[in-house]
Amino acid sequence: MKILLTNDDGIDAEGLSALGKAISGELYVAAPAKHVSECSHRITTRQPLPIEQRGDRRWAIDGSPADCVRVALNHLYADIQFDWVLAGINEGGNLGVDIFYSGTVAAVREATLLGQRAIAFSHYMRRDLPRDWEMATLRAARVFDELSKNSHDPQTFWNVNLPHLEREAPEPEIQACRPCVLPLPMRFESQGNALIYEGDYPNRPRTQGSDVEWCFGGGISISNISLHGDKKSDP
């Protein structure tokens, strides 16, 4: 199985390494040279895209996650028939309306536009718990094993969010969820002539049965997203 890996936290991110450990197969990497979160589906067409080889089948691209997928599938690995394009594991959730802002999700949306099967992996992070990439790796592997067994619906991709749990917590249940469409709470603080965004991510509103409610409650949320609009689908 041949798999393309990318992310939006940058090629050196721990989450990308964790995702690579979660997946068995022939891995190819095309990831941003630096952190470019919350860039949505930005692409580069009016300036050069610097690229740098970082190892065998491993390239850093000074562009967005969508750029990375475009360059990988149309240039770097144009002769490869990939089984999957995977993005993540993002350090932070991509739940509900985050889908519209996320570079991680945009990478797999771009892959889907180009005819690939694709999954975005993100990890909601609680401030009161330490990072645990080992557990994230195990859970990403479990979800990928589950999703890869199922038939693929063309022009759709999966958005997966892992919960942040204590080590001794029971293994979380996987649940198909619709993305919450309620807006994030936000305010802006003045700092001289500039404004500083102040969010309250953990206390964001959520609809019953949504991905936000399920993941914040300690479960693994999976959402099947169509290029024509979201849809609820069982794993």
C-alpha atoms as a PDB file:
ATOM      1  CA  MET A   1       0.000   0.000   0.000  1.00  0.00           C
ATOM      2  CA  LYS A   2       1.376   3.396  -1.047  1.00  0.00           C
ATOM      3  CA  ILE A   3       0.428   6.377   1.107  1.00  0.00           C
ATOM      4  CA  LEU A   4       1.131  10.099   0.805  1.00  0.00           C
ATOM      5  CA  LEU A   5       1.507  11.930   4.125  1.00  0.00           C
ATOM      6  CA  THR A   6       1.178  15.662   4.676  1.00  0.00           C
ATOM      7  CA  ASN A   7       0.065  18.111   7.392  1.00  0.00           C
ATOM      8  CA  ASP A   8      -0.152  21.807   8.219  1.00  0.00           C
ATOM      9  CA  ASP A   9       2.072  21.874  11.319  1.00  0.00           C
ATOM     10  CA  GLY A  10       5.213  21.450   9.213  1.00  0.00           C
ATOM     11  CA  ILE A  11       7.426  18.572   8.174  1.00  0.00           C
ATOM     12  CA  ASP A  12       9.185  18.402  11.563  1.00  0.00           C
ATOM     13  CA  ALA A  13       5.961  18.208  13.602  1.00  0.00           C
ATOM     14  CA  GLU A  14       5.489  15.405  16.126  1.00  0.00           C
ATOM     15  CA  GLY A  15       2.024  14.703  14.789  1.00  0.00           C
ATOM     16  CA  LEU A  16       3.335  13.904  11.303  1.00  0.00           C
ATOM     17  CA  SER A  17       5.835  11.490  12.822  1.00  0.00           C
ATOM     18  CA  ALA A  18       3.061   9.889  14.887  1.00  0.00           C
ATOM     19  CA  LEU A  19       0.903   9.423  11.789  1.00  0.00           C
ATOM     20  CA  GLY A  20       3.797   7.792   9.954  1.00  0.00           C
ATOM     21  CA  LYS A  21       4.208   5.312  12.801  1.00  0.00           C
ATOM     22  CA  ALA A  22       0.476   4.557  12.770  1.00  0.00           C
ATOM     23  CA  ILE A  23       0.343   3.457   9.147  1.00  0.00           C
ATOM     24  CA  SER A  24       1.860   0.339   7.602  1.00  0.00           C
ATOM     25  CA  GLY A  25       2.876   0.691   3.990  1.00  0.00           C
ATOM     26  CA  GLU A  26       5.185   2.512   1.617  1.00  0.00           C
ATOM     27  CA  LEU A  27       5.136   6.087   2.887  1.00  0.00           C
ATOM     28  CA  TYR A  28       5.826   9.223   0.862  1.00  0.00           C
ATOM     29  CA  VAL A  29       5.970  12.647   2.513  1.00  0.00           C
ATOM     30  CA  ALA A  30       5.277  16.085   1.071  1.00  0.00           C
ATOM     31  CA  ALA A  31       4.708  18.542   3.901  1.00  0.00           C
ATOM     32  CA  PRO A  32       5.070  22.273   4.500  1.00  0.00           C
ATOM     33  CA  ALA A  33       8.563  23.483   5.328  1.00  0.00           C
ATOM     34  CA  LYS A  34       7.116  25.446   8.250  1.00  0.00           C
ATOM     35  CA  HIS A  35       3.980  25.730  10.362  1.00  0.00           C
ATOM     36  CA  VAL A  36       1.069  27.022   8.255  1.00  0.00           C
ATOM     37  CA  SER A  37      -2.060  26.252  10.281  1.00  0.00           C
ATOM     38  CA  GLU A  38      -5.419  27.934   9.612  1.00  0.00           C
ATOM     39  CA  CYS A  39      -4.531  28.725   6.004  1.00  0.00           C
ATOM     40  CA  SER A  40      -7.617  26.899   4.703  1.00  0.00           C
ATOM     41  CA  HIS A  41      -7.433  25.942   1.001  1.00  0.00           C
ATOM     42  CA  ARG A  42      -4.908  28.563  -0.057  1.00  0.00           C
ATOM     43  CA  ILE A  43      -2.835  27.655  -3.097  1.00  0.00           C
ATOM     44  CA  THR A  44       0.250  29.278  -4.631  1.00  0.00           C
ATOM     45  CA  THR A  45       0.094  30.215  -8.317  1.00  0.00           C
ATOM     46  CA  ARG A  46       1.748  33.648  -8.567  1.00  0.00           C
ATOM     47  CA  GLN A  47       5.161  32.989  -7.023  1.00  0.00           C
ATOM     48  CA  PRO A  48       7.744  30.196  -6.924  1.00  0.00           C
ATOM     49  CA  LEU A  49       7.290  27.226  -4.570  1.00  0.00           C
ATOM     50  CA  PRO A  50      10.675  26.350  -3.028  1.00  0.00           C
ATOM     51  CA  ILE A  51      11.104  22.612  -2.384  1.00  0.00           C
ATOM     52  CA  GLU A  52      13.796  20.747  -0.467  1.00  0.00           C
ATOM     53  CA  GLN A  53      14.442  17.015  -0.278  1.00  0.00           C
ATOM     54  CA  ARG A  54      14.749  15.935   3.366  1.00  0.00           C
ATOM     55  CA  GLY A  55      15.378  12.231   2.779  1.00  0.00           C
ATOM     56  CA  ASP A  56      14.218   9.278   0.747  1.00  0.00           C
ATOM     57  CA  ARG A  57      10.608   9.933  -0.360  1.00  0.00           C
ATOM     58  CA  ARG A  58      10.498  13.014   1.896  1.00  0.00           C
ATOM     59  CA  TRP A  59      10.072  16.583   0.646  1.00  0.00           C
ATOM     60  CA  ALA A  60       9.562  19.921   2.390  1.00  0.00           C
ATOM     61  CA  ILE A  61       7.592  22.486   0.386  1.00  0.00           C
ATOM     62  CA  ASP A  62       7.452  26.181   1.253  1.00  0.00           C
ATOM     63  CA  GLY A  63       3.727  26.436   0.652  1.00  0.00           C
ATOM     64  CA  SER A  64       0.329  25.482   1.996  1.00  0.00           C
ATOM     65  CA  PRO A  65      -0.896  21.930   2.684  1.00  0.00           C
ATOM     66  CA  ALA A  66      -3.006  22.096  -0.482  1.00  0.00           C
ATOM     67  CA  ASP A  67       0.141  23.153  -2.373  1.00  0.00           C
ATOM     68  CA  CYS A  68       1.939  20.115  -0.953  1.00  0.00           C
ATOM     69  CA  VAL A  69      -0.705  17.744  -2.259  1.00  0.00           C
ATOM     70  CA  ARG A  70      -0.781  19.415  -5.675  1.00  0.00           C
ATOM     71  CA  VAL A  71       3.009  19.300  -6.007  1.00  0.00           C
ATOM     72  CA  ALA A  72       3.248  15.725  -4.730  1.00  0.00           C
ATOM     73  CA  LEU A  73       0.563  14.265  -6.985  1.00  0.00           C
ATOM     74  CA  ASN A  74       1.424  16.261 -10.097  1.00  0.00           C
ATOM     75  CA  HIS A  75       5.213  16.543  -9.887  1.00  0.00           C
ATOM     76  CA  LEU A  76       7.209  14.832  -7.156  1.00  0.00           C
ATOM     77  CA  TYR A  77       5.348  11.522  -7.205  1.00  0.00           C
ATOM     78  CA  ALA A  78       3.381  11.848 -10.426  1.00  0.00           C
ATOM     79  CA  ASP A  79       4.216   8.258 -11.436  1.00  0.00           C
ATOM     80  CA  ILE A  80       2.946   6.772  -8.142  1.00  0.00           C
ATOM     81  CA  GLN A  81      -0.547   5.312  -7.766  1.00  0.00           C
ATOM     82  CA  PHE A  82      -1.413   6.141  -4.161  1.00  0.00           C
ATOM     83  CA  ASP A  83      -3.894   4.142  -2.145  1.00  0.00           C
ATOM     84  CA  TRP A  84      -4.456   6.957   0.356  1.00  0.00           C
ATOM     85  CA  VAL A  85      -3.550  10.556   1.082  1.00  0.00           C
ATOM     86  CA  LEU A  86      -3.432  11.206   4.836  1.00  0.00           C
ATOM     87  CA  ALA A  87      -2.968  14.534   6.634  1.00  0.00           C
ATOM     88  CA  GLY A  88      -2.051  15.107  10.292  1.00  0.00           C
ATOM     89  CA  ILE A  89      -1.983  14.289  13.036  1.00  0.00           C
ATOM     90  CA  ASN A  90      -2.862  17.942  13.625  1.00  0.00           C
ATOM     91  CA  GLU A  91      -1.922  19.320  17.043  1.00  0.00           C
ATOM     92  CA  GLY A  92      -5.382  20.606  17.925  1.00  0.00           C
ATOM     93  CA  GLY A  93      -8.918  19.744  16.919  1.00  0.00           C
ATOM     94  CA  ASN A  94     -10.460  20.341  13.526  1.00  0.00           C
ATOM     95  CA  LEU A  95     -14.073  20.050  14.584  1.00  0.00           C
ATOM     96  CA  GLY A  96     -17.228  21.669  13.274  1.00  0.00           C
ATOM     97  CA  VAL A  97     -16.568  24.961  11.508  1.00  0.00           C
ATOM     98  CA  ASP A  98     -12.805  24.407  11.910  1.00  0.00           C
ATOM     99  CA  ILE A  99     -13.184  22.365   8.728  1.00  0.00           C
ATOM    100  CA  PHE A 100     -13.489  25.608   6.763  1.00  0.00           C
ATOM    101  CA  TYR A 101     -10.326  27.136   8.256  1.00  0.00           C
ATOM    102  CA  SER A 102      -8.088  24.088   8.530  1.00  0.00           C
ATOM    103  CA  GLY A 103      -5.045  23.523   6.341  1.00  0.00           C
ATOM    104  CA  THR A 104      -5.069  19.870   7.414  1.00  0.00           C
ATOM    105  CA  VAL A 105      -8.588  19.376   6.087  1.00  0.00           C
ATOM    106  CA  ALA A 106      -7.828  21.404   2.963  1.00  0.00           C
ATOM    107  CA  ALA A 107      -4.994  19.001   2.116  1.00  0.00           C
ATOM    108  CA  VAL A 108      -7.342  16.020   1.965  1.00  0.00           C
ATOM    109  CA  ARG A 109     -10.031  18.064   0.234  1.00  0.00           C
ATOM    110  CA  GLU A 110      -7.475  18.845  -2.484  1.00  0.00           C
ATOM    111  CA  ALA A 111      -6.533  15.172  -2.667  1.00  0.00           C
ATOM    112  CA  THR A 112     -10.200  14.282  -3.069  1.00  0.00           C
ATOM    113  CA  LEU A 113     -10.576  16.825  -5.874  1.00  0.00           C
ATOM    114  CA  LEU A 114      -7.683  15.024  -7.570  1.00  0.00           C
ATOM    115  CA  GLY A 115      -9.395  11.659  -7.286  1.00  0.00           C
ATOM    116  CA  GLN A 116      -7.639  10.250  -4.207  1.00  0.00           C
ATOM    117  CA  ARG A 117      -9.009   8.511  -1.119  1.00  0.00           C
ATOM    118  CA  ALA A 118      -8.126  10.755   1.815  1.00  0.00           C
ATOM    119  CA  ILE A 119      -8.379  11.145   5.585  1.00  0.00           C
ATOM    120  CA  ALA A 120      -7.567  14.118   7.833  1.00  0.00           C
ATOM    121  CA  PHE A 121      -6.454  13.261  11.382  1.00  0.00           C
ATOM    122  CA  SER A 122      -6.543  15.829  14.185  1.00  0.00           C
ATOM    123  CA  HIS A 123      -6.079  15.620  17.945  1.00  0.00           C
ATOM    124  CA  TYR A 124      -8.071  17.845  20.282  1.00  0.00           C
ATOM    125  CA  MET A 125      -5.674  19.067  22.998  1.00  0.00           C
ATOM    126  CA  ARG A 126      -6.659  19.814  26.571  1.00  0.00           C
ATOM    127  CA  ARG A 127      -4.520  22.321  28.425  1.00  0.00           C
ATOM    128  CA  ASP A 128      -4.620  20.300  31.656  1.00  0.00           C
ATOM    129  CA  LEU A 129      -3.095  17.126  30.180  1.00  0.00           C
ATOM    130  CA  PRO A 130       0.360  16.417  28.706  1.00  0.00           C
ATOM    131  CA  ARG A 131       0.752  15.536  25.035  1.00  0.00           C
ATOM    132  CA  ASP A 132       0.670  11.783  24.425  1.00  0.00           C
ATOM    133  CA  TRP A 133       1.635  11.077  20.835  1.00  0.00           C
ATOM    134  CA  GLU A 134       2.098   7.386  21.566  1.00  0.00           C
ATOM    135  CA  MET A 135      -1.603   6.993  22.340  1.00  0.00           C
ATOM    136  CA  ALA A 136      -2.509   9.217  19.390  1.00  0.00           C
ATOM    137  CA  THR A 137      -0.517   6.888  17.130  1.00  0.00           C
ATOM    138  CA  LEU A 138      -2.371   3.830  18.415  1.00  0.00           C
ATOM    139  CA  ARG A 139      -5.771   5.496  17.967  1.00  0.00           C
ATOM    140  CA  ALA A 140      -4.972   6.783  14.490  1.00  0.00           C
ATOM    141  CA  ALA A 141      -3.915   3.263  13.513  1.00  0.00           C
ATOM    142  CA  ARG A 142      -7.172   1.882  14.871  1.00  0.00           C
ATOM    143  CA  VAL A 143      -9.280   4.395  12.944  1.00  0.00           C
ATOM    144  CA  PHE A 144      -7.339   3.895   9.721  1.00  0.00           C
ATOM    145  CA  ASP A 145      -7.736   0.124   9.997  1.00  0.00           C
ATOM    146  CA  GLU A 146     -11.484   0.608  10.404  1.00  0.00           C
ATOM    147  CA  LEU A 147     -11.944   3.105   7.572  1.00  0.00           C
ATOM    148  CA  SER A 148      -9.692   1.330   5.090  1.00  0.00           C
ATOM    149  CA  LYS A 149     -11.885  -1.776   5.271  1.00  0.00           C
ATOM    150  CA  ASN A 150     -14.871   0.067   3.863  1.00  0.00           C
ATOM    151  CA  SER A 151     -15.765   0.922   0.302  1.00  0.00           C
ATOM    152  CA  HIS A 152     -14.920   4.451  -0.767  1.00  0.00           C
ATOM    153  CA  ASP A 153     -17.606   6.904  -1.806  1.00  0.00           C
ATOM    154  CA  PRO A 154     -16.088   9.081  -4.574  1.00  0.00           C
ATOM    155  CA  GLN A 155     -15.821  12.827  -3.953  1.00  0.00           C
ATOM    156  CA  THR A 156     -15.874  12.363  -0.179  1.00  0.00           C
ATOM    157  CA  PHE A 157     -13.179  12.301   2.477  1.00  0.00           C
ATOM    158  CA  TRP A 158     -12.990  11.521   6.183  1.00  0.00           C
ATOM    159  CA  ASN A 159     -12.312  14.033   8.941  1.00  0.00           C
ATOM    160  CA  VAL A 160     -11.145  12.312  12.148  1.00  0.00           C
ATOM    161  CA  ASN A 161     -10.732  13.930  15.565  1.00  0.00           C
ATOM    162  CA  LEU A 162      -9.060  12.136  18.462  1.00  0.00           C
ATOM    163  CA  PRO A 163      -9.928  13.070  22.059  1.00  0.00           C
ATOM    164  CA  HIS A 164      -7.349  14.024  24.688  1.00  0.00           C
ATOM    165  CA  LEU A 165      -7.702  11.547  27.542  1.00  0.00           C
ATOM    166  CA  GLU A 166      -5.819  10.482  30.616  1.00  0.00           C
ATOM    167  CA  ARG A 167      -3.680   7.377  30.144  1.00  0.00           C
ATOM    168  CA  GLU A 168      -5.887   5.250  32.391  1.00  0.00           C
ATOM    169  CA  ALA A 169      -9.126   6.210  30.609  1.00  0.00           C
ATOM    170  CA  PRO A 170     -11.025   3.476  28.717  1.00  0.00           C
ATOM    171  CA  GLU A 171     -10.304   3.266  25.013  1.00  0.00           C
ATOM    172  CA  PRO A 172     -12.644   5.724  23.261  1.00  0.00           C
ATOM    173  CA  GLU A 173     -15.471   4.639  21.003  1.00  0.00           C
ATOM    174  CA  ILE A 174     -15.482   5.624  17.328  1.00  0.00           C
ATOM    175  CA  GLN A 175     -18.652   7.422  16.261  1.00  0.00           C
ATOM    176  CA  ALA A 176     -19.764   8.857  12.916  1.00  0.00           C
ATOM    177  CA  CYS A 177     -20.884  12.445  13.544  1.00  0.00           C
ATOM    178  CA  ARG A 178     -22.121  15.427  11.623  1.00  0.00           C
ATOM    179  CA  PRO A 179     -19.877  18.482  11.942  1.00  0.00           C
ATOM    180  CA  CYS A 180     -21.261  21.157  14.253  1.00  0.00           C
ATOM    181  CA  VAL A 181     -22.066  24.358  12.369  1.00  0.00           C
ATOM    182  CA  LEU A 182     -22.279  26.743  15.332  1.00  0.00           C
ATOM    183  CA  PRO A 183     -19.721  29.579  15.207  1.00  0.00           C
ATOM    184  CA  LEU A 184     -16.739  29.687  17.521  1.00  0.00           C
ATOM    185  CA  PRO A 185     -16.842  32.095  20.472  1.00  0.00           C
ATOM    186  CA  MET A 186     -14.467  34.956  19.871  1.00  0.00           C
ATOM    187  CA  ARG A 187     -13.510  38.408  20.987  1.00  0.00           C
ATOM    188  CA  PHE A 188     -10.743  40.839  20.124  1.00  0.00           C
ATOM    189  CA  GLU A 189      -8.463  42.727  22.503  1.00  0.00           C
ATOM    190  CA  SER A 190      -6.891  46.026  21.546  1.00  0.00           C
ATOM    191  CA  GLN A 191      -3.112  46.198  21.565  1.00  0.00           C
ATOM    192  CA  GLY A 192      -2.035  49.588  20.365  1.00  0.00           C
ATOM    193  CA  ASN A 193      -3.325  49.995  16.835  1.00  0.00           C
ATOM    194  CA  ALA A 194      -3.818  46.246  16.436  1.00  0.00           C
ATOM    195  CA  LEU A 195      -6.355  43.666  17.573  1.00  0.00           C
ATOM    196  CA  ILE A 196      -5.534  40.327  19.200  1.00  0.00           C
ATOM    197  CA  TYR A 197      -7.935  37.433  18.685  1.00  0.00           C
ATOM    198  CA  GLU A 198      -9.110  35.796  21.903  1.00  0.00           C
ATOM    199  CA  GLY A 199     -10.965  32.502  21.494  1.00  0.00           C
ATOM    200  CA  ASP A 200     -12.463  30.069  23.993  1.00  0.00           C
ATOM    201  CA  TYR A 201     -12.139  26.767  22.135  1.00  0.00           C
ATOM    202  CA  PRO A 202     -12.941  24.361  25.014  1.00  0.00           C
ATOM    203  CA  ASN A 203     -16.196  26.188  25.774  1.00  0.00           C
ATOM    204  CA  ARG A 204     -17.419  26.464  22.217  1.00  0.00           C
ATOM    205  CA  PRO A 205     -21.143  25.775  21.670  1.00  0.00           C
ATOM    206  CA  ARG A 206     -22.098  22.420  20.224  1.00  0.00           C
ATOM    207  CA  THR A 207     -25.158  20.690  18.852  1.00  0.00           C
ATOM    208  CA  GLN A 208     -26.331  17.347  20.179  1.00  0.00           C
ATOM    209  CA  GLY A 209     -24.719  14.424  18.397  1.00  0.00           C
ATOM    210  CA  SER A 210     -22.177  16.622  16.619  1.00  0.00           C
ATOM    211  CA  ASP A 211     -18.461  15.969  16.240  1.00  0.00           C
ATOM    212  CA  VAL A 212     -17.687  18.668  18.825  1.00  0.00           C
ATOM    213  CA  GLU A 213     -19.943  17.100  21.446  1.00  0.00           C
ATOM    214  CA  TRP A 214     -18.642  13.589  20.837  1.00  0.00           C
ATOM    215  CA  CYS A 215     -14.918  14.437  20.810  1.00  0.00           C
ATOM    216  CA  PHE A 216     -15.140  16.814  23.791  1.00  0.00           C
ATOM    217  CA  GLY A 217     -16.977  14.028  25.595  1.00  0.00           C
ATOM    218  CA  GLY A 218     -14.043  11.666  25.128  1.00  0.00           C
ATOM    219  CA  GLY A 219     -14.890   9.845  21.889  1.00  0.00           C
ATOM    220  CA  ILE A 220     -13.256   9.595  18.481  1.00  0.00           C
ATOM    221  CA  SER A 221     -15.381  11.482  15.968  1.00  0.00           C
ATOM    222  CA  ILE A 222     -15.321  10.629  12.277  1.00  0.00           C
ATOM    223  CA  SER A 223     -17.183  12.704   9.708  1.00  0.00           C
ATOM    224  CA  ASN A 224     -17.634  11.790   6.063  1.00  0.00           C
ATOM    225  CA  ILE A 225     -17.412  15.058   4.133  1.00  0.00           C
ATOM    226  CA  SER A 226     -18.666  15.387   0.584  1.00  0.00           C
ATOM    227  CA  LEU A 227     -17.360  17.927  -1.888  1.00  0.00           C
ATOM    228  CA  HIS A 228     -21.038  18.746  -2.361  1.00  0.00           C
ATOM    229  CA  GLY A 229     -21.707  19.236   1.366  1.00  0.00           C
ATOM    230  CA  ASP A 230     -21.362  17.190   4.560  1.00  0.00           C
ATOM    231  CA  LYS A 231     -23.013  13.824   5.037  1.00  0.00           C
ATOM    232  CA  LYS A 232     -23.372  11.429   7.932  1.00  0.00           C
ATOM    233  CA  SER A 233     -21.983   8.000   7.243  1.00  0.00           C
ATOM    234  CA  ASP A 234     -21.192   4.968   9.360  1.00  0.00           C
ATOM    235  CA  PRO A 235     -17.618   3.673   9.520  1.00  0.00           C
END
